């Protein structure tokens, strides 16, 4: 899992030639702590690049995508968001909603 920042976001997400799953999260967010290990499992099992972006440290990236709450998970393909999931969900629901099943 990669740590995303304003400085590396374009290179790691927008210019990636592979799909990238981005979790918008915050230290104070309990559901974010619940979904983190699930995202690690999805990354390992599906070979998907997963990045975490702390909204408190990088609010400008959050604002760019209209993220209103955390956790919000966006799936990017070719630099464009193609799926959005808001809130912590069980692994099977995340895999299904992301079309990885």
PDB file of N, CA and C in Angstrom:
ATOM      1  N   UNK A   1       0.848  -1.159   0.000  1.00  0.00           N
ATOM      2  CA  UNK A   1       0.000   0.000   0.000  1.00  0.00           C
ATOM      3  C   UNK A   1       0.901   1.231   0.000  1.00  0.00           C
ATOM      4  N   UNK A   2       0.581   2.172  -0.871  1.00  0.00           N
ATOM      5  CA  UNK A   2       1.408   3.371  -0.957  1.00  0.00           C
ATOM      6  C   UNK A   2       0.742   4.540  -0.246  1.00  0.00           C
ATOM      7  N   UNK A   3       1.563   5.407   0.303  1.00  0.00           N
ATOM      8  CA  UNK A   3       1.071   6.629   0.931  1.00  0.00           C
ATOM      9  C   UNK A   3       1.055   7.713  -0.132  1.00  0.00           C
ATOM     10  N   UNK A   4      -0.123   8.254  -0.372  1.00  0.00           N
ATOM     11  CA  UNK A   4      -0.263   9.292  -1.385  1.00  0.00           C
ATOM     12  C   UNK A   4      -0.195  10.672  -0.741  1.00  0.00           C
ATOM     13  N   UNK A   5       0.402  11.602  -1.477  1.00  0.00           N
ATOM     14  CA  UNK A   5       0.505  12.991  -1.048  1.00  0.00           C
ATOM     15  C   UNK A   5       0.155  13.877  -2.238  1.00  0.00           C
ATOM     16  N   UNK A   6       0.028  15.154  -1.981  1.00  0.00           N
ATOM     17  CA  UNK A   6      -0.196  16.086  -3.078  1.00  0.00           C
ATOM     18  C   UNK A   6       0.962  15.998  -4.075  1.00  0.00           C
ATOM     19  N   UNK A   7       2.166  15.814  -3.565  1.00  0.00           N
ATOM     20  CA  UNK A   7       3.365  15.791  -4.405  1.00  0.00           C
ATOM     21  C   UNK A   7       3.447  14.565  -5.313  1.00  0.00           C
ATOM     22  N   UNK A   8       3.021  13.395  -4.835  1.00  0.00           N
ATOM     23  CA  UNK A   8       3.191  12.182  -5.649  1.00  0.00           C
ATOM     24  C   UNK A   8       1.883  11.694  -6.277  1.00  0.00           C
ATOM     25  N   UNK A   9       0.778  12.354  -6.032  1.00  0.00           N
ATOM     26  CA  UNK A   9      -0.532  11.892  -6.479  1.00  0.00           C
ATOM     27  C   UNK A   9      -0.613  11.742  -7.998  1.00  0.00           C
ATOM     28  N   UNK A  10      -0.171  12.748  -8.710  1.00  0.00           N
ATOM     29  CA  UNK A  10      -0.269  12.690 -10.172  1.00  0.00           C
ATOM     30  C   UNK A  10       0.526  11.514 -10.730  1.00  0.00           C
ATOM     31  N   UNK A  11       1.751  11.361 -10.257  1.00  0.00           N
ATOM     32  CA  UNK A  11       2.616  10.282 -10.757  1.00  0.00           C
ATOM     33  C   UNK A  11       2.076   8.903 -10.379  1.00  0.00           C
ATOM     34  N   UNK A  12       1.655   8.732  -9.119  1.00  0.00           N
ATOM     35  CA  UNK A  12       1.229   7.419  -8.622  1.00  0.00           C
ATOM     36  C   UNK A  12      -0.168   7.013  -9.088  1.00  0.00           C
ATOM     37  N   UNK A  13      -1.057   7.980  -9.289  1.00  0.00           N
ATOM     38  CA  UNK A  13      -2.450   7.653  -9.614  1.00  0.00           C
ATOM     39  C   UNK A  13      -2.809   8.052 -11.038  1.00  0.00           C
ATOM     40  N   UNK A  14      -2.676   9.327 -11.353  1.00  0.00           N
ATOM     41  CA  UNK A  14      -3.155   9.822 -12.634  1.00  0.00           C
ATOM     42  C   UNK A  14      -2.332   9.326 -13.825  1.00  0.00           C
ATOM     43  N   UNK A  15      -1.044   9.096 -13.628  1.00  0.00           N
ATOM     44  CA  UNK A  15      -0.187   8.637 -14.720  1.00  0.00           C
ATOM     45  C   UNK A  15       0.066   7.132 -14.691  1.00  0.00           C
ATOM     46  N   UNK A  16      -0.569   6.422 -13.766  1.00  0.00           N
ATOM     47  CA  UNK A  16      -0.366   4.977 -13.660  1.00  0.00           C
ATOM     48  C   UNK A  16      -0.986   4.266 -14.861  1.00  0.00           C
ATOM     49  N   UNK A  17      -0.273   3.269 -15.375  1.00  0.00           N
ATOM     50  CA  UNK A  17      -0.816   2.482 -16.478  1.00  0.00           C
ATOM     51  C   UNK A  17      -1.636   1.298 -15.966  1.00  0.00           C
ATOM     52  N   UNK A  18      -1.746   1.160 -14.646  1.00  0.00           N
ATOM     53  CA  UNK A  18      -2.554   0.113 -14.023  1.00  0.00           C
ATOM     54  C   UNK A  18      -3.669   0.769 -13.210  1.00  0.00           C
ATOM     55  N   UNK A  19      -4.756   0.034 -12.963  1.00  0.00           N
ATOM     56  CA  UNK A  19      -5.799   0.574 -12.087  1.00  0.00           C
ATOM     57  C   UNK A  19      -5.243   0.834 -10.683  1.00  0.00           C
ATOM     58  N   UNK A  20      -5.700   1.914 -10.076  1.00  0.00           N
ATOM     59  CA  UNK A  20      -5.256   2.284  -8.729  1.00  0.00           C
ATOM     60  C   UNK A  20      -6.491   2.536  -7.870  1.00  0.00           C
ATOM     61  N   UNK A  21      -6.511   1.906  -6.708  1.00  0.00           N
ATOM     62  CA  UNK A  21      -7.574   2.102  -5.737  1.00  0.00           C
ATOM     63  C   UNK A  21      -7.072   3.109  -4.705  1.00  0.00           C
ATOM     64  N   UNK A  22      -7.799   4.216  -4.530  1.00  0.00           N
ATOM     65  CA  UNK A  22      -7.375   5.263  -3.604  1.00  0.00           C
ATOM     66  C   UNK A  22      -8.374   5.354  -2.458  1.00  0.00           C
ATOM     67  N   UNK A  23      -7.851   5.231  -1.239  1.00  0.00           N
ATOM     68  CA  UNK A  23      -8.695   5.421  -0.057  1.00  0.00           C
ATOM     69  C   UNK A  23      -8.413   6.807   0.508  1.00  0.00           C
ATOM     70  N   UNK A  24      -9.454   7.626   0.578  1.00  0.00           N
ATOM     71  CA  UNK A  24      -9.392   8.911   1.257  1.00  0.00           C
ATOM     72  C   UNK A  24      -9.756   8.634   2.703  1.00  0.00           C
ATOM     73  N   UNK A  25      -8.848   8.961   3.636  1.00  0.00           N
ATOM     74  CA  UNK A  25      -9.017   8.573   5.035  1.00  0.00           C
ATOM     75  C   UNK A  25      -8.520   9.685   5.954  1.00  0.00           C
ATOM     76  N   UNK A  26      -8.732   9.479   7.260  1.00  0.00           N
ATOM     77  CA  UNK A  26      -8.240  10.412   8.281  1.00  0.00           C
ATOM     78  C   UNK A  26      -7.898   9.616   9.544  1.00  0.00           C
ATOM     79  N   UNK A  27      -6.928  10.135  10.296  1.00  0.00           N
ATOM     80  CA  UNK A  27      -6.499   9.487  11.550  1.00  0.00           C
ATOM     81  C   UNK A  27      -7.664   9.283  12.513  1.00  0.00           C
ATOM     82  N   UNK A  28      -8.559  10.240  12.593  1.00  0.00           N
ATOM     83  CA  UNK A  28      -9.649  10.231  13.568  1.00  0.00           C
ATOM     84  C   UNK A  28     -10.837   9.363  13.129  1.00  0.00           C
ATOM     85  N   UNK A  29     -10.749   8.756  11.964  1.00  0.00           N
ATOM     86  CA  UNK A  29     -11.870   8.016  11.375  1.00  0.00           C
ATOM     87  C   UNK A  29     -11.832   6.538  11.768  1.00  0.00           C
ATOM     88  N   UNK A  30     -12.742   6.119  12.641  1.00  0.00           N
ATOM     89  CA  UNK A  30     -12.831   4.721  13.055  1.00  0.00           C
ATOM     90  C   UNK A  30     -13.106   3.765  11.909  1.00  0.00           C
ATOM     91  N   UNK A  31     -14.099   4.056  11.048  1.00  0.00           N
ATOM     92  CA  UNK A  31     -14.356   3.158   9.919  1.00  0.00           C
ATOM     93  C   UNK A  31     -13.159   3.025   8.969  1.00  0.00           C
ATOM     94  N   UNK A  32     -12.332   4.066   8.892  1.00  0.00           N
ATOM     95  CA  UNK A  32     -11.127   3.985   8.049  1.00  0.00           C
ATOM     96  C   UNK A  32     -10.174   2.922   8.584  1.00  0.00           C
ATOM     97  N   UNK A  33     -10.058   2.849   9.901  1.00  0.00           N
ATOM     98  CA  UNK A  33      -9.184   1.829  10.508  1.00  0.00           C
ATOM     99  C   UNK A  33      -9.741   0.423  10.261  1.00  0.00           C
ATOM    100  N   UNK A  34     -11.058   0.317  10.163  1.00  0.00           N
ATOM    101  CA  UNK A  34     -11.681  -0.984   9.910  1.00  0.00           C
ATOM    102  C   UNK A  34     -11.463  -1.442   8.467  1.00  0.00           C
ATOM    103  N   UNK A  35     -11.480  -0.530   7.529  1.00  0.00           N
ATOM    104  CA  UNK A  35     -11.383  -0.901   6.120  1.00  0.00           C
ATOM    105  C   UNK A  35      -9.928  -1.081   5.658  1.00  0.00           C
ATOM    106  N   UNK A  36      -8.964  -0.511   6.365  1.00  0.00           N
ATOM    107  CA  UNK A  36      -7.554  -0.592   5.943  1.00  0.00           C
ATOM    108  C   UNK A  36      -7.065  -2.029   5.750  1.00  0.00           C
ATOM    109  N   UNK A  37      -7.280  -2.953   6.722  1.00  0.00           N
ATOM    110  CA  UNK A  37      -6.801  -4.325   6.498  1.00  0.00           C
ATOM    111  C   UNK A  37      -7.529  -5.025   5.347  1.00  0.00           C
ATOM    112  N   UNK A  38      -8.771  -4.655   5.120  1.00  0.00           N
ATOM    113  CA  UNK A  38      -9.530  -5.237   4.007  1.00  0.00           C
ATOM    114  C   UNK A  38      -8.907  -4.799   2.680  1.00  0.00           C
ATOM    115  N   UNK A  39      -8.528  -3.529   2.594  1.00  0.00           N
ATOM    116  CA  UNK A  39      -7.897  -3.037   1.370  1.00  0.00           C
ATOM    117  C   UNK A  39      -6.541  -3.698   1.146  1.00  0.00           C
ATOM    118  N   UNK A  40      -5.818  -3.964   2.229  1.00  0.00           N
ATOM    119  CA  UNK A  40      -4.540  -4.671   2.101  1.00  0.00           C
ATOM    120  C   UNK A  40      -4.759  -6.075   1.539  1.00  0.00           C
ATOM    121  N   UNK A  41      -5.814  -6.745   1.987  1.00  0.00           N
ATOM    122  CA  UNK A  41      -6.134  -8.082   1.478  1.00  0.00           C
ATOM    123  C   UNK A  41      -6.505  -8.020  -0.001  1.00  0.00           C
ATOM    124  N   UNK A  42      -7.315  -7.033  -0.363  1.00  0.00           N
ATOM    125  CA  UNK A  42      -7.722  -6.873  -1.764  1.00  0.00           C
ATOM    126  C   UNK A  42      -6.497  -6.606  -2.634  1.00  0.00           C
ATOM    127  N   UNK A  43      -5.587  -5.788  -2.141  1.00  0.00           N
ATOM    128  CA  UNK A  43      -4.360  -5.480  -2.885  1.00  0.00           C
ATOM    129  C   UNK A  43      -3.562  -6.761  -3.138  1.00  0.00           C
ATOM    130  N   UNK A  44      -3.401  -7.567  -2.101  1.00  0.00           N
ATOM    131  CA  UNK A  44      -2.617  -8.797  -2.212  1.00  0.00           C
ATOM    132  C   UNK A  44      -3.298  -9.833  -3.102  1.00  0.00           C
ATOM    133  N   UNK A  45      -4.597  -9.972  -2.973  1.00  0.00           N
ATOM    134  CA  UNK A  45      -5.323 -11.024  -3.689  1.00  0.00           C
ATOM    135  C   UNK A  45      -5.620 -10.686  -5.145  1.00  0.00           C
ATOM    136  N   UNK A  46      -5.733  -9.398  -5.465  1.00  0.00           N
ATOM    137  CA  UNK A  46      -6.143  -9.008  -6.813  1.00  0.00           C
ATOM    138  C   UNK A  46      -5.061  -8.256  -7.575  1.00  0.00           C
ATOM    139  N   UNK A  47      -3.888  -8.091  -6.967  1.00  0.00           N
ATOM    140  CA  UNK A  47      -2.788  -7.425  -7.646  1.00  0.00           C
ATOM    141  C   UNK A  47      -3.072  -5.976  -7.995  1.00  0.00           C
ATOM    142  N   UNK A  48      -3.935  -5.368  -7.228  1.00  0.00           N
ATOM    143  CA  UNK A  48      -4.338  -3.987  -7.468  1.00  0.00           C
ATOM    144  C   UNK A  48      -3.451  -3.054  -6.654  1.00  0.00           C
ATOM    145  N   UNK A  49      -3.045  -1.944  -7.230  1.00  0.00           N
ATOM    146  CA  UNK A  49      -2.298  -0.942  -6.485  1.00  0.00           C
ATOM    147  C   UNK A  49      -3.280  -0.188  -5.604  1.00  0.00           C
ATOM    148  N   UNK A  50      -2.970  -0.102  -4.309  1.00  0.00           N
ATOM    149  CA  UNK A  50      -3.828   0.605  -3.370  1.00  0.00           C
ATOM    150  C   UNK A  50      -3.015   1.725  -2.728  1.00  0.00           C
ATOM    151  N   UNK A  51      -3.594   2.919  -2.723  1.00  0.00           N
ATOM    152  CA  UNK A  51      -2.950   4.061  -2.094  1.00  0.00           C
ATOM    153  C   UNK A  51      -3.875   4.699  -1.084  1.00  0.00           C
ATOM    154  N   UNK A  52      -3.268   5.286  -0.052  1.00  0.00           N
ATOM    155  CA  UNK A  52      -4.035   5.954   0.992  1.00  0.00           C
ATOM    156  C   UNK A  52      -3.673   7.436   0.989  1.00  0.00           C
ATOM    157  N   UNK A  53      -4.700   8.291   1.003  1.00  0.00           N
ATOM    158  CA  UNK A  53      -4.474   9.726   1.021  1.00  0.00           C
ATOM    159  C   UNK A  53      -5.152  10.312   2.258  1.00  0.00           C
ATOM    160  N   UNK A  54      -4.361  10.888   3.150  1.00  0.00           N
ATOM    161  CA  UNK A  54      -4.874  11.495   4.376  1.00  0.00           C
ATOM    162  C   UNK A  54      -5.513  12.839   4.025  1.00  0.00           C
ATOM    163  N   UNK A  55      -6.823  12.951   4.237  1.00  0.00           N
ATOM    164  CA  UNK A  55      -7.543  14.161   3.825  1.00  0.00           C
ATOM    165  C   UNK A  55      -7.166  15.384   4.660  1.00  0.00           C
ATOM    166  N   UNK A  56      -6.739  15.159   5.894  1.00  0.00           N
ATOM    167  CA  UNK A  56      -6.350  16.294   6.736  1.00  0.00           C
ATOM    168  C   UNK A  56      -5.036  16.910   6.264  1.00  0.00           C
ATOM    169  N   UNK A  57      -4.161  16.084   5.703  1.00  0.00           N
ATOM    170  CA  UNK A  57      -2.872  16.564   5.218  1.00  0.00           C
ATOM    171  C   UNK A  57      -2.929  17.058   3.776  1.00  0.00           C
ATOM    172  N   UNK A  58      -3.904  16.581   3.012  1.00  0.00           N
ATOM    173  CA  UNK A  58      -3.977  16.890   1.577  1.00  0.00           C
ATOM    174  C   UNK A  58      -5.412  17.212   1.146  1.00  0.00           C
ATOM    175  N   UNK A  59      -6.019  18.243   1.734  1.00  0.00           N
ATOM    176  CA  UNK A  59      -7.431  18.542   1.440  1.00  0.00           C
ATOM    177  C   UNK A  59      -7.686  18.967  -0.005  1.00  0.00           C
ATOM    178  N   UNK A  60      -6.671  19.485  -0.677  1.00  0.00           N
ATOM    179  CA  UNK A  60      -6.885  19.930  -2.056  1.00  0.00           C
ATOM    180  C   UNK A  60      -7.193  18.758  -2.994  1.00  0.00           C
ATOM    181  N   UNK A  61      -6.587  17.587  -2.736  1.00  0.00           N
ATOM    182  CA  UNK A  61      -6.883  16.414  -3.571  1.00  0.00           C
ATOM    183  C   UNK A  61      -8.297  15.930  -3.266  1.00  0.00           C
ATOM    184  N   UNK A  62      -8.653  15.929  -2.011  1.00  0.00           N
ATOM    185  CA  UNK A  62     -10.000  15.534  -1.603  1.00  0.00           C
ATOM    186  C   UNK A  62     -11.038  16.424  -2.291  1.00  0.00           C
ATOM    187  N   UNK A  63     -10.805  17.719  -2.276  1.00  0.00           N
ATOM    188  CA  UNK A  63     -11.748  18.672  -2.865  1.00  0.00           C
ATOM    189  C   UNK A  63     -11.873  18.479  -4.376  1.00  0.00           C
ATOM    190  N   UNK A  64     -10.788  18.097  -5.016  1.00  0.00           N
ATOM    191  CA  UNK A  64     -10.788  17.912  -6.480  1.00  0.00           C
ATOM    192  C   UNK A  64     -11.822  16.877  -6.908  1.00  0.00           C
ATOM    193  N   UNK A  65     -12.069  15.883  -6.059  1.00  0.00           N
ATOM    194  CA  UNK A  65     -12.995  14.806  -6.404  1.00  0.00           C
ATOM    195  C   UNK A  65     -14.321  14.891  -5.650  1.00  0.00           C
ATOM    196  N   UNK A  66     -14.536  15.984  -4.945  1.00  0.00           N
ATOM    197  CA  UNK A  66     -15.799  16.172  -4.244  1.00  0.00           C
ATOM    198  C   UNK A  66     -16.028  15.190  -3.113  1.00  0.00           C
ATOM    199  N   UNK A  67     -14.951  14.702  -2.514  1.00  0.00           N
ATOM    200  CA  UNK A  67     -15.070  13.758  -1.406  1.00  0.00           C
ATOM    201  C   UNK A  67     -15.624  14.507  -0.193  1.00  0.00           C
ATOM    202  N   UNK A  68     -16.739  14.024   0.332  1.00  0.00           N
ATOM    203  CA  UNK A  68     -17.413  14.699   1.441  1.00  0.00           C
ATOM    204  C   UNK A  68     -17.272  13.958   2.764  1.00  0.00           C
ATOM    205  N   UNK A  69     -16.956  12.676   2.715  1.00  0.00           N
ATOM    206  CA  UNK A  69     -16.838  11.892   3.939  1.00  0.00           C
ATOM    207  C   UNK A  69     -15.777  10.810   3.774  1.00  0.00           C
ATOM    208  N   UNK A  70     -15.349  10.287   4.900  1.00  0.00           N
ATOM    209  CA  UNK A  70     -14.336   9.227   4.871  1.00  0.00           C
ATOM    210  C   UNK A  70     -14.845   8.012   5.634  1.00  0.00           C
ATOM    211  N   UNK A  71     -14.441   6.820   5.247  1.00  0.00           N
ATOM    212  CA  UNK A  71     -13.602   6.571   4.095  1.00  0.00           C
ATOM    213  C   UNK A  71     -14.379   6.674   2.783  1.00  0.00           C
ATOM    214  N   UNK A  72     -13.722   7.221   1.782  1.00  0.00           N
ATOM    215  CA  UNK A  72     -14.219   7.182   0.409  1.00  0.00           C
ATOM    216  C   UNK A  72     -13.148   6.477  -0.402  1.00  0.00           C
ATOM    217  N   UNK A  73     -13.573   5.534  -1.216  1.00  0.00           N
ATOM    218  CA  UNK A  73     -12.651   4.751  -2.034  1.00  0.00           C
ATOM    219  C   UNK A  73     -12.985   5.033  -3.493  1.00  0.00           C
ATOM    220  N   UNK A  74     -11.975   5.453  -4.242  1.00  0.00           N
ATOM    221  CA  UNK A  74     -12.142   5.682  -5.676  1.00  0.00           C
ATOM    222  C   UNK A  74     -11.239   4.724  -6.442  1.00  0.00           C
ATOM    223  N   UNK A  75     -11.786   4.123  -7.481  1.00  0.00           N
ATOM    224  CA  UNK A  75     -11.001   3.286  -8.378  1.00  0.00           C
ATOM    225  C   UNK A  75     -10.695   4.111  -9.618  1.00  0.00           C
ATOM    226  N   UNK A  76      -9.400   4.259  -9.908  1.00  0.00           N
ATOM    227  CA  UNK A  76      -8.955   5.019 -11.067  1.00  0.00           C
ATOM    228  C   UNK A  76      -8.458   4.072 -12.147  1.00  0.00           C
ATOM    229  N   UNK A  77      -8.861   4.355 -13.379  1.00  0.00           N
ATOM    230  CA  UNK A  77      -8.339   3.659 -14.545  1.00  0.00           C
ATOM    231  C   UNK A  77      -7.964   4.722 -15.568  1.00  0.00           C
ATOM    232  N   UNK A  78      -6.735   4.651 -16.066  1.00  0.00           N
ATOM    233  CA  UNK A  78      -6.230   5.638 -17.024  1.00  0.00           C
ATOM    234  C   UNK A  78      -6.367   7.059 -16.495  1.00  0.00           C
ATOM    235  N   UNK A  79      -6.132   7.227 -15.195  1.00  0.00           N
ATOM    236  CA  UNK A  79      -6.156   8.550 -14.583  1.00  0.00           C
ATOM    237  C   UNK A  79      -7.533   9.118 -14.290  1.00  0.00           C
ATOM    238  N   UNK A  80      -8.571   8.343 -14.532  1.00  0.00           N
ATOM    239  CA  UNK A  80      -9.942   8.813 -14.314  1.00  0.00           C
ATOM    240  C   UNK A  80     -10.647   7.952 -13.270  1.00  0.00           C
ATOM    241  N   UNK A  81     -11.408   8.586 -12.365  1.00  0.00           N
ATOM    242  CA  UNK A  81     -12.178   7.792 -11.405  1.00  0.00           C
ATOM    243  C   UNK A  81     -13.330   7.085 -12.121  1.00  0.00           C
ATOM    244  N   UNK A  82     -13.412   5.775 -11.944  1.00  0.00           N
ATOM    245  CA  UNK A  82     -14.459   4.999 -12.615  1.00  0.00           C
ATOM    246  C   UNK A  82     -15.465   4.389 -11.639  1.00  0.00           C
ATOM    247  N   UNK A  83     -15.085   4.295 -10.368  1.00  0.00           N
ATOM    248  CA  UNK A  83     -16.008   3.782  -9.340  1.00  0.00           C
ATOM    249  C   UNK A  83     -15.740   4.514  -8.041  1.00  0.00           C
ATOM    250  N   UNK A  84     -16.798   4.702  -7.268  1.00  0.00           N
ATOM    251  CA  UNK A  84     -16.677   5.341  -5.959  1.00  0.00           C
ATOM    252  C   UNK A  84     -17.492   4.560  -4.943  1.00  0.00           C
ATOM    253  N   UNK A  85     -16.870   4.326  -3.792  1.00  0.00           N
ATOM    254  CA  UNK A  85     -17.539   3.653  -2.680  1.00  0.00           C
ATOM    255  C   UNK A  85     -17.348   4.529  -1.451  1.00  0.00           C
ATOM    256  N   UNK A  86     -18.444   4.824  -0.772  1.00  0.00           N
ATOM    257  CA  UNK A  86     -18.381   5.661   0.427  1.00  0.00           C
ATOM    258  C   UNK A  86     -18.743   4.807   1.632  1.00  0.00           C
ATOM    259  N   UNK A  87     -17.889   4.867   2.648  1.00  0.00           N
ATOM    260  CA  UNK A  87     -18.146   4.139   3.883  1.00  0.00           C
ATOM    261  C   UNK A  87     -17.413   2.808   3.928  1.00  0.00           C
ATOM    262  N   UNK A  88     -17.274   2.303   5.148  1.00  0.00           N
ATOM    263  CA  UNK A  88     -16.626   1.002   5.355  1.00  0.00           C
ATOM    264  C   UNK A  88     -17.625  -0.094   5.030  1.00  0.00           C
ATOM    265  N   UNK A  89     -17.171  -1.080   4.270  1.00  0.00           N
ATOM    266  CA  UNK A  89     -18.025  -2.196   3.894  1.00  0.00           C
ATOM    267  C   UNK A  89     -17.238  -3.490   4.051  1.00  0.00           C
ATOM    268  N   UNK A  90     -17.936  -4.605   4.212  1.00  0.00           N
ATOM    269  CA  UNK A  90     -17.241  -5.888   4.289  1.00  0.00           C
ATOM    270  C   UNK A  90     -16.494  -6.174   2.982  1.00  0.00           C
ATOM    271  N   UNK A  91     -15.480  -7.008   3.097  1.00  0.00           N
ATOM    272  CA  UNK A  91     -14.617  -7.330   1.957  1.00  0.00           C
ATOM    273  C   UNK A  91     -15.420  -7.813   0.748  1.00  0.00           C
ATOM    274  N   UNK A  92     -16.335  -8.731   0.973  1.00  0.00           N
ATOM    275  CA  UNK A  92     -17.086  -9.283  -0.167  1.00  0.00           C
ATOM    276  C   UNK A  92     -17.874  -8.204  -0.896  1.00  0.00           C
ATOM    277  N   UNK A  93     -18.397  -7.226  -0.156  1.00  0.00           N
ATOM    278  CA  UNK A  93     -19.143  -6.134  -0.798  1.00  0.00           C
ATOM    279  C   UNK A  93     -18.197  -5.219  -1.578  1.00  0.00           C
ATOM    280  N   UNK A  94     -17.034  -4.917  -1.005  1.00  0.00           N
ATOM    281  CA  UNK A  94     -16.064  -4.084  -1.712  1.00  0.00           C
ATOM    282  C   UNK A  94     -15.610  -4.762  -3.006  1.00  0.00           C
ATOM    283  N   UNK A  95     -15.268  -6.054  -2.920  1.00  0.00           N
ATOM    284  CA  UNK A  95     -14.814  -6.791  -4.099  1.00  0.00           C
ATOM    285  C   UNK A  95     -15.906  -6.785  -5.169  1.00  0.00           C
ATOM    286  N   UNK A  96     -17.145  -7.005  -4.758  1.00  0.00           N
ATOM    287  CA  UNK A  96     -18.254  -7.025  -5.693  1.00  0.00           C
ATOM    288  C   UNK A  96     -18.474  -5.646  -6.321  1.00  0.00           C
ATOM    289  N   UNK A  97     -18.515  -4.606  -5.510  1.00  0.00           N
ATOM    290  CA  UNK A  97     -18.767  -3.266  -6.025  1.00  0.00           C
ATOM    291  C   UNK A  97     -17.635  -2.761  -6.920  1.00  0.00           C
ATOM    292  N   UNK A  98     -16.430  -3.250  -6.679  1.00  0.00           N
ATOM    293  CA  UNK A  98     -15.298  -2.858  -7.515  1.00  0.00           C
ATOM    294  C   UNK A  98     -15.191  -3.695  -8.787  1.00  0.00           C
ATOM    295  N   UNK A  99     -16.041  -4.708  -8.897  1.00  0.00           N
ATOM    296  CA  UNK A  99     -16.040  -5.560 -10.071  1.00  0.00           C
ATOM    297  C   UNK A  99     -14.865  -6.524 -10.123  1.00  0.00           C
ATOM    298  N   UNK A 100     -14.357  -6.904  -8.952  1.00  0.00           N
ATOM    299  CA  UNK A 100     -13.191  -7.799  -8.882  1.00  0.00           C
ATOM    300  C   UNK A 100     -13.585  -9.244  -8.665  1.00  0.00           C
ATOM    301  N   UNK A 101     -14.845  -9.500  -8.377  1.00  0.00           N
ATOM    302  CA  UNK A 101     -15.295 -10.859  -8.061  1.00  0.00           C
ATOM    303  C   UNK A 101     -15.286 -11.757  -9.271  1.00  0.00           C
TER     304      UNK A 101
END
